[in-house]
PDB file of N, CA and C in Angstrom:
ATOM      1  N   MET A   1     109.668  97.957  56.064  1.00  0.00           N
ATOM      2  CA  MET A   1     108.811  97.395  56.961  1.00  0.00           C
ATOM      3  C   MET A   1     107.206  97.967  57.057  1.00  0.00           C
ATOM      4  N   SER A   2     106.182  97.254  57.009  1.00  0.00           N
ATOM      5  CA  SER A   2     105.071  97.785  56.459  1.00  0.00           C
ATOM      6  C   SER A   2     104.742  98.251  58.145  1.00  0.00           C
ATOM      7  N   ALA A   3     103.559  98.834  58.054  1.00  0.00           N
ATOM      8  CA  ALA A   3     102.882  99.382  59.237  1.00  0.00           C
ATOM      9  C   ALA A   3     102.199  98.835  60.325  1.00  0.00           C
ATOM     10  N   GLY A   4     101.634  97.308  59.853  1.00  0.00           N
ATOM     11  CA  GLY A   4     101.157  95.932  60.612  1.00  0.00           C
ATOM     12  C   GLY A   4     102.298  95.576  61.244  1.00  0.00           C
ATOM     13  N   LEU A   5     103.692  95.204  60.834  1.00  0.00           N
ATOM     14  CA  LEU A   5     104.328  94.615  61.231  1.00  0.00           C
ATOM     15  C   LEU A   5     105.204  95.735  62.724  1.00  0.00           C
ATOM     16  N   ILE A   6     105.169  96.891  62.168  1.00  0.00           N
ATOM     17  CA  ILE A   6     105.475  97.737  63.100  1.00  0.00           C
ATOM     18  C   ILE A   6     104.873  97.981  64.323  1.00  0.00           C
ATOM     19  N   ALA A   7     102.999  97.854  63.906  1.00  0.00           N
ATOM     20  CA  ALA A   7     102.379  97.550  65.027  1.00  0.00           C
ATOM     21  C   ALA A   7     102.160  96.463  66.021  1.00  0.00           C
ATOM     22  N   LEU A   8     102.673  95.527  65.341  1.00  0.00           N
ATOM     23  CA  LEU A   8     103.114  93.868  66.092  1.00  0.00           C
ATOM     24  C   LEU A   8     103.905  94.219  66.606  1.00  0.00           C
ATOM     25  N   LEU A   9     104.896  94.805  66.227  1.00  0.00           N
ATOM     26  CA  LEU A   9     106.606  94.729  67.450  1.00  0.00           C
ATOM     27  C   LEU A   9     105.775  95.925  68.150  1.00  0.00           C
ATOM     28  N   LEU A  10     105.534  96.774  68.083  1.00  0.00           N
ATOM     29  CA  LEU A  10     105.072  97.919  69.051  1.00  0.00           C
ATOM     30  C   LEU A  10     104.338  97.001  70.410  1.00  0.00           C
ATOM     31  N   ILE A  11     103.497  96.587  69.873  1.00  0.00           N
ATOM     32  CA  ILE A  11     102.242  95.503  70.630  1.00  0.00           C
ATOM     33  C   ILE A  11     103.199  94.540  71.755  1.00  0.00           C
ATOM     34  N   GLY A  12     104.257  93.788  71.078  1.00  0.00           N
ATOM     35  CA  GLY A  12     104.774  92.907  71.223  1.00  0.00           C
ATOM     36  C   GLY A  12     106.044  93.487  72.779  1.00  0.00           C
ATOM     37  N   LEU A  13     106.508  94.488  71.846  1.00  0.00           N
ATOM     38  CA  LEU A  13     107.026  95.207  72.910  1.00  0.00           C
ATOM     39  C   LEU A  13     106.834  95.828  74.514  1.00  0.00           C
ATOM     40  N   SER A  14     105.417  96.109  74.178  1.00  0.00           N
ATOM     41  CA  SER A  14     104.767  96.686  75.324  1.00  0.00           C
ATOM     42  C   SER A  14     104.563  95.249  76.325  1.00  0.00           C
ATOM     43  N   LEU A  15     104.061  94.408  75.871  1.00  0.00           N
ATOM     44  CA  LEU A  15     103.781  92.961  76.334  1.00  0.00           C
ATOM     45  C   LEU A  15     104.759  92.540  77.146  1.00  0.00           C
ATOM     46  N   LEU A  16     106.346  92.633  76.465  1.00  0.00           N
ATOM     47  CA  LEU A  16     107.450  92.564  77.044  1.00  0.00           C
ATOM     48  C   LEU A  16     107.389  93.328  78.451  1.00  0.00           C
ATOM     49  N   LEU A  17     107.110  94.721  78.227  1.00  0.00           N
ATOM     50  CA  LEU A  17     107.794  95.412  79.002  1.00  0.00           C
ATOM     51  C   LEU A  17     106.674  95.551  80.480  1.00  0.00           C
ATOM     52  N   SER A  18     105.329  95.210  80.211  1.00  0.00           N
ATOM     53  CA  SER A  18     104.704  94.773  81.249  1.00  0.00           C
ATOM     54  C   SER A  18     104.948  93.543  82.044  1.00  0.00           C
ATOM     55  N   ALA A  19     105.489  92.589  81.275  1.00  0.00           N
ATOM     56  CA  ALA A  19     105.589  91.557  82.352  1.00  0.00           C
ATOM     57  C   ALA A  19     105.773  91.162  83.053  1.00  0.00           C
ATOM     58  N   PRO A  20     106.784  91.772  83.969  1.00  0.00           N
ATOM     59  CA  PRO A  20     107.333  91.813  85.138  1.00  0.00           C
ATOM     60  C   PRO A  20     106.786  92.540  85.887  1.00  0.00           C
ATOM     61  N   ALA A  21     105.843  93.561  85.681  1.00  0.00           N
ATOM     62  CA  ALA A  21     104.786  93.755  86.486  1.00  0.00           C
ATOM     63  C   ALA A  21     103.905  93.088  86.635  1.00  0.00           C
ATOM     64  N   PHE A  22     103.205  92.574  85.923  1.00  0.00           N
ATOM     65  CA  PHE A  22     101.994  91.318  86.010  1.00  0.00           C
ATOM     66  C   PHE A  22     102.537  90.059  87.043  1.00  0.00           C
ATOM     67  N   VAL A  23     104.005  89.794  86.591  1.00  0.00           N
ATOM     68  CA  VAL A  23     103.996  88.654  87.413  1.00  0.00           C
ATOM     69  C   VAL A  23     104.361  89.149  88.439  1.00  0.00           C
ATOM     70  N   VAL A  24     105.114  90.465  89.210  1.00  0.00           N
ATOM     71  CA  VAL A  24     104.854  90.721  90.292  1.00  0.00           C
ATOM     72  C   VAL A  24     103.878  90.631  91.313  1.00  0.00           C
ATOM     73  N   ALA A  25     102.952  91.693  90.493  1.00  0.00           N
ATOM     74  CA  ALA A  25     101.168  91.598  90.876  1.00  0.00           C
ATOM     75  C   ALA A  25     100.576  90.646  91.014  1.00  0.00           C
ATOM     76  N   ARG A  26     100.903  89.496  90.091  1.00  0.00           N
ATOM     77  CA  ARG A  26     100.187  87.814  90.707  1.00  0.00           C
ATOM     78  C   ARG A  26     100.851  87.627  91.552  1.00  0.00           C
ATOM     79  N   ARG A  27     102.334  87.436  91.731  1.00  0.00           N
ATOM     80  CA  ARG A  27     102.814  87.041  93.275  1.00  0.00           C
ATOM     81  C   ARG A  27     102.219  87.527  94.450  1.00  0.00           C
ATOM     82  N   SER A  28     101.782  88.676  94.480  1.00  0.00           N
ATOM     83  CA  SER A  28     101.774  89.587  95.565  1.00  0.00           C
ATOM     84  C   SER A  28      99.886  89.158  95.651  1.00  0.00           C
ATOM     85  N   ALA A  29      99.215  88.867  94.589  1.00  0.00           N
ATOM     86  CA  ALA A  29      97.884  88.784  94.951  1.00  0.00           C
ATOM     87  C   ALA A  29      97.147  90.116  94.665  1.00  0.00           C
ATOM     88  N   SER A  30      97.946  90.730  94.047  1.00  0.00           N
ATOM     89  CA  SER A  30      97.622  92.173  93.499  1.00  0.00           C
ATOM     90  C   SER A  30      97.086  92.393  92.183  1.00  0.00           C
ATOM     91  N   LEU A  31      97.021  91.520  91.418  1.00  0.00           N
ATOM     92  CA  LEU A  31      96.495  91.666  89.926  1.00  0.00           C
ATOM     93  C   LEU A  31      95.072  91.447  89.749  1.00  0.00           C
ATOM     94  N   PHE A  32      94.781  92.723  89.087  1.00  0.00           N
ATOM     95  CA  PHE A  32      93.391  93.010  88.834  1.00  0.00           C
ATOM     96  C   PHE A  32      93.102  93.063  87.252  1.00  0.00           C
ATOM     97  N   ALA A  33      91.794  93.101  86.907  1.00  0.00           N
ATOM     98  CA  ALA A  33      91.461  93.730  85.627  1.00  0.00           C
ATOM     99  C   ALA A  33      91.672  94.934  85.262  1.00  0.00           C
ATOM    100  N   THR A  34      91.579  95.950  86.240  1.00  0.00           N
ATOM    101  CA  THR A  34      92.116  97.151  85.446  1.00  0.00           C
ATOM    102  C   THR A  34      93.591  97.298  85.814  1.00  0.00           C
ATOM    103  N   ASP A  35      94.580  96.176  85.956  1.00  0.00           N
ATOM    104  CA  ASP A  35      95.836  96.388  85.458  1.00  0.00           C
ATOM    105  C   ASP A  35      96.257  96.207  83.963  1.00  0.00           C
ATOM    106  N   PHE A  36      95.306  94.983  83.615  1.00  0.00           N
ATOM    107  CA  PHE A  36      95.159  94.653  81.987  1.00  0.00           C
ATOM    108  C   PHE A  36      94.918  95.849  80.984  1.00  0.00           C
ATOM    109  N   ALA A  37      93.116  96.593  82.075  1.00  0.00           N
ATOM    110  CA  ALA A  37      93.214  97.581  81.058  1.00  0.00           C
ATOM    111  C   ALA A  37      94.095  98.390  81.086  1.00  0.00           C
ATOM    112  N   LEU A  38      94.709  98.880  82.243  1.00  0.00           N
ATOM    113  CA  LEU A  38      95.764  99.693  82.028  1.00  0.00           C
ATOM    114  C   LEU A  38      96.510  99.924  80.228  1.00  0.00           C
ATOM    115  N   VAL A  39      97.007  98.804  80.103  1.00  0.00           N
ATOM    116  CA  VAL A  39      97.850  98.866  79.016  1.00  0.00           C
ATOM    117  C   VAL A  39      97.062  98.775  77.761  1.00  0.00           C
ATOM    118  N   ALA A  40      95.871  98.531  77.724  1.00  0.00           N
ATOM    119  CA  ALA A  40      94.938  98.373  76.562  1.00  0.00           C
ATOM    120  C   ALA A  40      94.183  99.576  76.488  1.00  0.00           C
ATOM    121  N   ALA A  41      93.284  99.895  77.357  1.00  0.00           N
ATOM    122  CA  ALA A  41      92.669 100.992  77.304  1.00  0.00           C
ATOM    123  C   ALA A  41      92.703 102.324  76.929  1.00  0.00           C
ATOM    124  N   PRO A  42      93.933 103.229  77.015  1.00  0.00           N
ATOM    125  CA  PRO A  42      94.296 104.287  77.351  1.00  0.00           C
ATOM    126  C   PRO A  42      94.749 104.648  75.690  1.00  0.00           C
ATOM    127  N   PRO A  43      94.873 103.782  74.630  1.00  0.00           N
ATOM    128  CA  PRO A  43      94.893 103.838  73.431  1.00  0.00           C
ATOM    129  C   PRO A  43      94.516 103.754  72.565  1.00  0.00           C
ATOM    130  N   PHE A  44      92.925 103.010  73.179  1.00  0.00           N
ATOM    131  CA  PHE A  44      91.848 103.225  72.427  1.00  0.00           C
ATOM    132  C   PHE A  44      90.987 104.425  72.958  1.00  0.00           C
ATOM    133  N   ALA A  45      91.109 105.078  74.256  1.00  0.00           N
ATOM    134  CA  ALA A  45      90.699 106.193  74.574  1.00  0.00           C
ATOM    135  C   ALA A  45      90.921 107.097  73.715  1.00  0.00           C
ATOM    136  N   PHE A  46      92.410 107.493  73.455  1.00  0.00           N
ATOM    137  CA  PHE A  46      93.083 108.318  72.698  1.00  0.00           C
ATOM    138  C   PHE A  46      92.625 108.846  71.367  1.00  0.00           C
ATOM    139  N   LEU A  47      92.188 107.119  70.720  1.00  0.00           N
ATOM    140  CA  LEU A  47      91.949 107.221  69.346  1.00  0.00           C
ATOM    141  C   LEU A  47      90.406 107.568  69.384  1.00  0.00           C
ATOM    142  N   LEU A  48      89.399 107.192  70.322  1.00  0.00           N
ATOM    143  CA  LEU A  48      88.025 107.657  70.384  1.00  0.00           C
ATOM    144  C   LEU A  48      87.976 109.257  70.360  1.00  0.00           C
ATOM    145  N   ALA A  49      88.382 109.938  71.176  1.00  0.00           N
ATOM    146  CA  ALA A  49      88.855 111.301  71.276  1.00  0.00           C
ATOM    147  C   ALA A  49      88.907 111.690  70.005  1.00  0.00           C
ATOM    148  N   LEU A  50      90.469 111.178  69.259  1.00  0.00           N
ATOM    149  CA  LEU A  50      91.087 111.876  68.196  1.00  0.00           C
ATOM    150  C   LEU A  50      89.687 111.498  67.036  1.00  0.00           C
ATOM    151  N   VAL A  51      88.695 110.473  67.124  1.00  0.00           N
ATOM    152  CA  VAL A  51      88.026 110.732  65.849  1.00  0.00           C
ATOM    153  C   VAL A  51      87.032 111.431  65.950  1.00  0.00           C
ATOM    154  N   ALA A  52      86.817 111.557  67.570  1.00  0.00           N
ATOM    155  CA  ALA A  52      84.963 112.319  67.902  1.00  0.00           C
ATOM    156  C   ALA A  52      85.626 113.508  67.739  1.00  0.00           C
ATOM    157  N   PHE A  53      86.820 114.207  68.522  1.00  0.00           N
ATOM    158  CA  PHE A  53      86.956 115.806  68.765  1.00  0.00           C
ATOM    159  C   PHE A  53      88.083 116.399  67.848  1.00  0.00           C
ATOM    160  N   ASN A  54      88.592 115.415  67.255  1.00  0.00           N
ATOM    161  CA  ASN A  54      89.972 116.253  66.493  1.00  0.00           C
ATOM    162  C   ASN A  54      90.126 115.645  65.325  1.00  0.00           C
ATOM    163  N   GLU A  55      89.424 116.390  64.389  1.00  0.00           N
ATOM    164  CA  GLU A  55      89.553 116.093  62.874  1.00  0.00           C
ATOM    165  C   GLU A  55      90.616 116.626  62.092  1.00  0.00           C
ATOM    166  N   PRO A  56      90.829 117.708  62.509  1.00  0.00           N
ATOM    167  CA  PRO A  56      92.565 118.102  62.208  1.00  0.00           C
ATOM    168  C   PRO A  56      93.618 117.155  62.300  1.00  0.00           C
ATOM    169  N   ALA A  57      93.952 116.490  63.441  1.00  0.00           N
ATOM    170  CA  ALA A  57      94.796 115.814  63.880  1.00  0.00           C
ATOM    171  C   ALA A  57      94.413 114.262  63.001  1.00  0.00           C
ATOM    172  N   GLN A  58      93.696 114.127  62.740  1.00  0.00           N
ATOM    173  CA  GLN A  58      93.401 112.603  61.965  1.00  0.00           C
ATOM    174  C   GLN A  58      94.378 112.444  60.466  1.00  0.00           C
ATOM    175  N   THR A  59      95.341 113.408  60.102  1.00  0.00           N
ATOM    176  CA  THR A  59      95.967 113.248  59.125  1.00  0.00           C
ATOM    177  C   THR A  59      97.151 113.095  59.132  1.00  0.00           C
ATOM    178  N   GLY A  60      98.103 112.729  58.289  1.00  0.00           N
ATOM    179  CA  GLY A  60      99.412 112.175  58.484  1.00  0.00           C
ATOM    180  C   GLY A  60      99.619 110.939  59.837  1.00  0.00           C
ATOM    181  N   TRP A  61     100.786 111.185  60.743  1.00  0.00           N
ATOM    182  CA  TRP A  61     101.038 110.294  61.447  1.00  0.00           C
ATOM    183  C   TRP A  61     100.506 110.164  62.689  1.00  0.00           C
ATOM    184  N   ALA A  62      99.463 110.980  63.322  1.00  0.00           N
ATOM    185  CA  ALA A  62      99.058 111.235  64.468  1.00  0.00           C
ATOM    186  C   ALA A  62      98.130 110.141  64.851  1.00  0.00           C
ATOM    187  N   PRO A  63      97.297 109.246  64.068  1.00  0.00           N
ATOM    188  CA  PRO A  63      96.548 108.264  64.527  1.00  0.00           C
ATOM    189  C   PRO A  63      97.546 107.154  64.860  1.00  0.00           C
ATOM    190  N   ILE A  64      98.545 106.862  64.261  1.00  0.00           N
ATOM    191  CA  ILE A  64      99.500 105.791  63.849  1.00  0.00           C
ATOM    192  C   ILE A  64     100.644 105.917  64.743  1.00  0.00           C
ATOM    193  N   GLY A  65     101.142 106.938  65.282  1.00  0.00           N
ATOM    194  CA  GLY A  65     102.382 107.221  66.116  1.00  0.00           C
ATOM    195  C   GLY A  65     102.418 107.353  67.812  1.00  0.00           C
ATOM    196  N   TYR A  66     100.981 108.194  67.771  1.00  0.00           N
ATOM    197  CA  TYR A  66     100.405 108.384  68.601  1.00  0.00           C
ATOM    198  C   TYR A  66      99.795 107.730  69.972  1.00  0.00           C
ATOM    199  N   PRO A  67      98.936 106.781  69.475  1.00  0.00           N
ATOM    200  CA  PRO A  67      98.620 105.854  70.215  1.00  0.00           C
ATOM    201  C   PRO A  67      99.836 104.925  71.175  1.00  0.00           C
ATOM    202  N   PHE A  68     100.613 104.404  69.937  1.00  0.00           N
ATOM    203  CA  PHE A  68     101.572 103.927  70.459  1.00  0.00           C
ATOM    204  C   PHE A  68     102.255 104.303  71.848  1.00  0.00           C
ATOM    205  N   ALA A  69     102.639 105.895  71.800  1.00  0.00           N
ATOM    206  CA  ALA A  69     102.776 106.632  72.837  1.00  0.00           C
ATOM    207  C   ALA A  69     101.958 106.093  73.902  1.00  0.00           C
ATOM    208  N   VAL A  70     101.382 106.355  73.798  1.00  0.00           N
ATOM    209  CA  VAL A  70     100.280 106.594  74.980  1.00  0.00           C
ATOM    210  C   VAL A  70      99.901 104.864  75.544  1.00  0.00           C
ATOM    211  N   LEU A  71     100.000 103.912  74.633  1.00  0.00           N
ATOM    212  CA  LEU A  71     100.208 102.512  75.231  1.00  0.00           C
ATOM    213  C   LEU A  71     101.421 102.402  76.103  1.00  0.00           C
ATOM    214  N   LEU A  72     102.694 103.103  75.664  1.00  0.00           N
ATOM    215  CA  LEU A  72     104.157 102.850  76.585  1.00  0.00           C
ATOM    216  C   LEU A  72     103.945 103.627  77.467  1.00  0.00           C
ATOM    217  N   ALA A  73     103.052 104.814  77.861  1.00  0.00           N
ATOM    218  CA  ALA A  73     103.068 105.323  78.946  1.00  0.00           C
ATOM    219  C   ALA A  73     101.953 104.608  79.712  1.00  0.00           C
ATOM    220  N   GLY A  74     101.180 103.792  79.228  1.00  0.00           N
ATOM    221  CA  GLY A  74     100.565 102.968  80.209  1.00  0.00           C
ATOM    222  C   GLY A  74     101.229 101.929  80.862  1.00  0.00           C
ATOM    223  N   VAL A  75     102.284 101.636  80.085  1.00  0.00           N
ATOM    224  CA  VAL A  75     102.874 100.326  80.466  1.00  0.00           C
ATOM    225  C   VAL A  75     103.998 101.094  81.718  1.00  0.00           C
ATOM    226  N   LEU A  76     104.161 102.061  81.635  1.00  0.00           N
ATOM    227  CA  LEU A  76     105.416 103.014  82.891  1.00  0.00           C
ATOM    228  C   LEU A  76     104.154 102.986  83.993  1.00  0.00           C
ATOM    229  N   MET A  77     102.662 103.474  83.686  1.00  0.00           N
ATOM    230  CA  MET A  77     101.889 103.569  84.828  1.00  0.00           C
ATOM    231  C   MET A  77     101.188 102.579  84.964  1.00  0.00           C
ATOM    232  N   LEU A  78     101.925 101.227  84.964  1.00  0.00           N
ATOM    233  CA  LEU A  78     101.486  99.915  85.157  1.00  0.00           C
ATOM    234  C   LEU A  78     102.381  99.777  86.339  1.00  0.00           C
ATOM    235  N   GLN A  79     103.914  99.920  86.025  1.00  0.00           N
ATOM    236  CA  GLN A  79     104.714  99.764  86.424  1.00  0.00           C
ATOM    237  C   GLN A  79     104.956 100.463  87.475  1.00  0.00           C
ATOM    238  N   ALA A  80     104.397 101.793  87.720  1.00  0.00           N
ATOM    239  CA  ALA A  80     104.514 102.568  88.602  1.00  0.00           C
ATOM    240  C   ALA A  80     103.475 102.249  89.504  1.00  0.00           C
ATOM    241  N   ARG A  81     102.168 101.253  89.024  1.00  0.00           N
ATOM    242  CA  ARG A  81     101.174 101.322  89.957  1.00  0.00           C
ATOM    243  C   ARG A  81     101.371  99.325  90.885  1.00  0.00           C
ATOM    244  N   VAL A  82     102.299  98.955  90.142  1.00  0.00           N
ATOM    245  CA  VAL A  82     103.108  97.498  91.002  1.00  0.00           C
ATOM    246  C   VAL A  82     104.052  98.191  91.627  1.00  0.00           C
ATOM    247  N   PHE A  83     105.168  98.514  91.440  1.00  0.00           N
ATOM    248  CA  PHE A  83     106.304  98.828  91.629  1.00  0.00           C
ATOM    249  C   PHE A  83     106.522 100.211  92.855  1.00  0.00           C
ATOM    250  N   ILE A  84     105.926 101.370  92.582  1.00  0.00           N
ATOM    251  CA  ILE A  84     105.776 102.323  93.736  1.00  0.00           C
ATOM    252  C   ILE A  84     104.583 102.405  94.257  1.00  0.00           C
ATOM    253  N   ALA A  85     103.804 102.180  93.782  1.00  0.00           N
ATOM    254  CA  ALA A  85     102.617 102.565  94.394  1.00  0.00           C
ATOM    255  C   ALA A  85     102.195 101.799  95.983  1.00  0.00           C
ATOM    256  N   PRO A  86     102.795 100.453  96.104  1.00  0.00           N
ATOM    257  CA  PRO A  86     102.264  99.803  97.590  1.00  0.00           C
ATOM    258  C   PRO A  86     103.267 100.524  98.627  1.00  0.00           C
ATOM    259  N   ARG A  87     104.649 101.019  98.315  1.00  0.00           N
ATOM    260  CA  ARG A  87     105.786 100.856  98.707  1.00  0.00           C
ATOM    261  C   ARG A  87     105.398 102.505  99.589  1.00  0.00           C
ATOM    262  N   LEU A  88     104.842 103.498  98.846  1.00  0.00           N
ATOM    263  CA  LEU A  88     103.641 104.214  99.428  1.00  0.00           C
ATOM    264  C   LEU A  88     102.798 104.577  99.989  1.00  0.00           C
ATOM    265  N   GLY A  89     102.624 103.128 100.525  1.00  0.00           N
ATOM    266  CA  GLY A  89     100.999 102.964 101.476  1.00  0.00           C
ATOM    267  C   GLY A  89      99.724 102.885 100.632  1.00  0.00           C
ATOM    268  N   PHE A  90      99.341 103.080  99.216  1.00  0.00           N
ATOM    269  CA  PHE A  90      98.002 102.929  98.910  1.00  0.00           C
ATOM    270  C   PHE A  90      98.004 101.486  98.582  1.00  0.00           C
ATOM    271  N   ALA A  91      96.504 101.352  98.509  1.00  0.00           N
ATOM    272  CA  ALA A  91      95.984  99.858  98.433  1.00  0.00           C
ATOM    273  C   ALA A  91      95.881  99.630  97.196  1.00  0.00           C
ATOM    274  N   PRO A  92      96.241  98.272  96.825  1.00  0.00           N
ATOM    275  CA  PRO A  92      96.616  98.126  95.557  1.00  0.00           C
ATOM    276  C   PRO A  92      95.232  97.876  94.451  1.00  0.00           C
ATOM    277  N   ARG A  93      94.366  97.627  95.394  1.00  0.00           N
ATOM    278  CA  ARG A  93      92.931  97.721  94.418  1.00  0.00           C
ATOM    279  C   ARG A  93      92.367  99.223  94.054  1.00  0.00           C
ATOM    280  N   SER A  94      92.332 100.392  94.746  1.00  0.00           N
ATOM    281  CA  SER A  94      92.436 101.356  94.738  1.00  0.00           C
ATOM    282  C   SER A  94      93.149 102.299  93.746  1.00  0.00           C
ATOM    283  N   ALA A  95      94.783 101.834  94.095  1.00  0.00           N
ATOM    284  CA  ALA A  95      95.483 102.572  93.634  1.00  0.00           C
ATOM    285  C   ALA A  95      95.406 102.035  91.729  1.00  0.00           C
ATOM    286  N   SER A  96      95.233 100.891  91.650  1.00  0.00           N
ATOM    287  CA  SER A  96      94.719 100.321  90.150  1.00  0.00           C
ATOM    288  C   SER A  96      94.084 101.114  89.383  1.00  0.00           C
ATOM    289  N   THR A  97      92.652 101.293  90.111  1.00  0.00           N
ATOM    290  CA  THR A  97      91.201 101.464  89.565  1.00  0.00           C
ATOM    291  C   THR A  97      92.076 103.452  89.453  1.00  0.00           C
ATOM    292  N   PHE A  98      92.168 104.048  90.156  1.00  0.00           N
ATOM    293  CA  PHE A  98      92.976 105.325  90.166  1.00  0.00           C
ATOM    294  C   PHE A  98      93.544 105.521  89.202  1.00  0.00           C
ATOM    295  N   VAL A  99      94.602 104.678  88.606  1.00  0.00           N
ATOM    296  CA  VAL A  99      95.850 105.183  87.855  1.00  0.00           C
ATOM    297  C   VAL A  99      95.366 104.972  86.315  1.00  0.00           C
ATOM    298  N   LEU A 100      93.934 103.981  86.190  1.00  0.00           N
ATOM    299  CA  LEU A 100      93.176 103.483  84.968  1.00  0.00           C
ATOM    300  C   LEU A 100      92.434 104.815  85.104  1.00  0.00           C
ATOM    301  N   PHE A 101      92.026 104.999  85.619  1.00  0.00           N
ATOM    302  CA  PHE A 101      91.134 106.460  85.771  1.00  0.00           C
ATOM    303  C   PHE A 101      91.975 107.720  84.698  1.00  0.00           C
ATOM    304  N   ILE A 102      93.327 107.863  85.793  1.00  0.00           N
ATOM    305  CA  ILE A 102      94.280 109.233  85.355  1.00  0.00           C
ATOM    306  C   ILE A 102      94.270 108.917  83.783  1.00  0.00           C
ATOM    307  N   ALA A 103      94.668 107.435  83.199  1.00  0.00           N
ATOM    308  CA  ALA A 103      95.277 107.034  82.307  1.00  0.00           C
ATOM    309  C   ALA A 103      94.002 107.554  81.064  1.00  0.00           C
ATOM    310  N   VAL A 104      93.154 107.250  81.037  1.00  0.00           N
ATOM    311  CA  VAL A 104      91.951 107.136  80.284  1.00  0.00           C
ATOM    312  C   VAL A 104      91.637 108.598  79.947  1.00  0.00           C
ATOM    313  N   VAL A 105      91.580 109.050  81.384  1.00  0.00           N
ATOM    314  CA  VAL A 105      91.049 110.956  80.899  1.00  0.00           C
ATOM    315  C   VAL A 105      92.462 111.488  80.371  1.00  0.00           C
ATOM    316  N   ALA A 106      93.630 111.549  81.034  1.00  0.00           N
ATOM    317  CA  ALA A 106      94.515 112.039  80.380  1.00  0.00           C
ATOM    318  C   ALA A 106      94.746 111.777  78.531  1.00  0.00           C
ATOM    319  N   ALA A 107      94.668 110.141  78.399  1.00  0.00           N
ATOM    320  CA  ALA A 107      94.880 110.300  76.901  1.00  0.00           C
ATOM    321  C   ALA A 107      93.546 110.833  76.033  1.00  0.00           C
ATOM    322  N   SER A 108      92.079 110.369  76.724  1.00  0.00           N
ATOM    323  CA  SER A 108      91.355 111.278  76.046  1.00  0.00           C
ATOM    324  C   SER A 108      91.661 112.788  76.056  1.00  0.00           C
ATOM    325  N   LEU A 109      92.147 113.585  76.711  1.00  0.00           N
ATOM    326  CA  LEU A 109      92.049 114.729  76.665  1.00  0.00           C
ATOM    327  C   LEU A 109      93.479 115.195  75.436  1.00  0.00           C
ATOM    328  N   PHE A 110      94.110 114.087  75.727  1.00  0.00           N
ATOM    329  CA  PHE A 110      95.694 114.331  74.664  1.00  0.00           C
ATOM    330  C   PHE A 110      95.099 114.382  73.066  1.00  0.00           C
ATOM    331  N   GLY A 111      93.935 112.842  72.769  1.00  0.00           N
ATOM    332  CA  GLY A 111      93.804 112.900  71.794  1.00  0.00           C
ATOM    333  C   GLY A 111      92.333 113.570  71.015  1.00  0.00           C
ATOM    334  N   ALA A 112      91.866 114.626  72.262  1.00  0.00           N
ATOM    335  CA  ALA A 112      91.329 115.793  71.897  1.00  0.00           C
ATOM    336  C   ALA A 112      91.863 117.225  71.346  1.00  0.00           C
ATOM    337  N   PHE A 113      93.124 117.109  71.802  1.00  0.00           N
ATOM    338  CA  PHE A 113      93.718 118.131  71.854  1.00  0.00           C
ATOM    339  C   PHE A 113      95.067 118.187  71.389  1.00  0.00           C
ATOM    340  N   THR A 114      95.408 117.044  70.535  1.00  0.00           N
ATOM    341  CA  THR A 114      96.908 117.065  69.880  1.00  0.00           C
ATOM    342  C   THR A 114      97.076 117.202  68.530  1.00  0.00           C
ATOM    343  N   PRO A 115      98.009 118.511  68.177  1.00  0.00           N
ATOM    344  CA  PRO A 115      97.941 118.493  67.331  1.00  0.00           C
ATOM    345  C   PRO A 115      98.323 117.305  65.841  1.00  0.00           C
ATOM    346  N   PRO A 116      98.101 117.846  64.908  1.00  0.00           N
ATOM    347  CA  PRO A 116      98.878 117.123  63.691  1.00  0.00           C
ATOM    348  C   PRO A 116      99.766 116.401  64.124  1.00  0.00           C
ATOM    349  N   TRP A 117     100.450 115.660  63.553  1.00  0.00           N
ATOM    350  CA  TRP A 117     101.791 115.221  63.416  1.00  0.00           C
ATOM    351  C   TRP A 117     102.541 114.639  61.887  1.00  0.00           C
ATOM    352  N   TYR A 118     103.072 115.750  61.560  1.00  0.00           N
ATOM    353  CA  TYR A 118     103.247 115.186  59.486  1.00  0.00           C
ATOM    354  C   TYR A 118     104.729 115.064  60.082  1.00  0.00           C
ATOM    355  N   GLU A 119     105.183 114.980  58.738  1.00  0.00           N
ATOM    356  CA  GLU A 119     106.388 114.498  58.752  1.00  0.00           C
ATOM    357  C   GLU A 119     107.701 115.487  59.321  1.00  0.00           C
TER     358      GLU A 119
END
C-alpha cells in the first residue's frame, strides 16, 4: 500500500468515527466551527511544531505516523465534548473552545518534544 492511500484511509476513518458526534451536535444545535477545527487543527499544530522546534524527529516515521495518532485523539476529544461535557453541565460553546485550545496546545507540545520514530 502506498503512503497516500494509507493517509486517505486514515482520514476517512477519522471522519467516519467523528460522524456520530457531528450528527448529535447538529441535532442539539450545538455544532460549532471549533468542533470541525478540533478534528483538523491538532495534526497541523503537531506538524508545525515538529518542523519548527524538533529537527531530530523529522526523520523516520514521526512526520507520517504521529499526526494520525493526534488526529484520532482529536476525534476522541470531539466525542468527549459532544457526549460527556453537556452531561457534566458545561456550556457547549465554551466547552468546544476549551477542548480545541487544549488539543492544539497538547499537539504543539507533543510535536516539539516527540522523539524520533524509527522502525
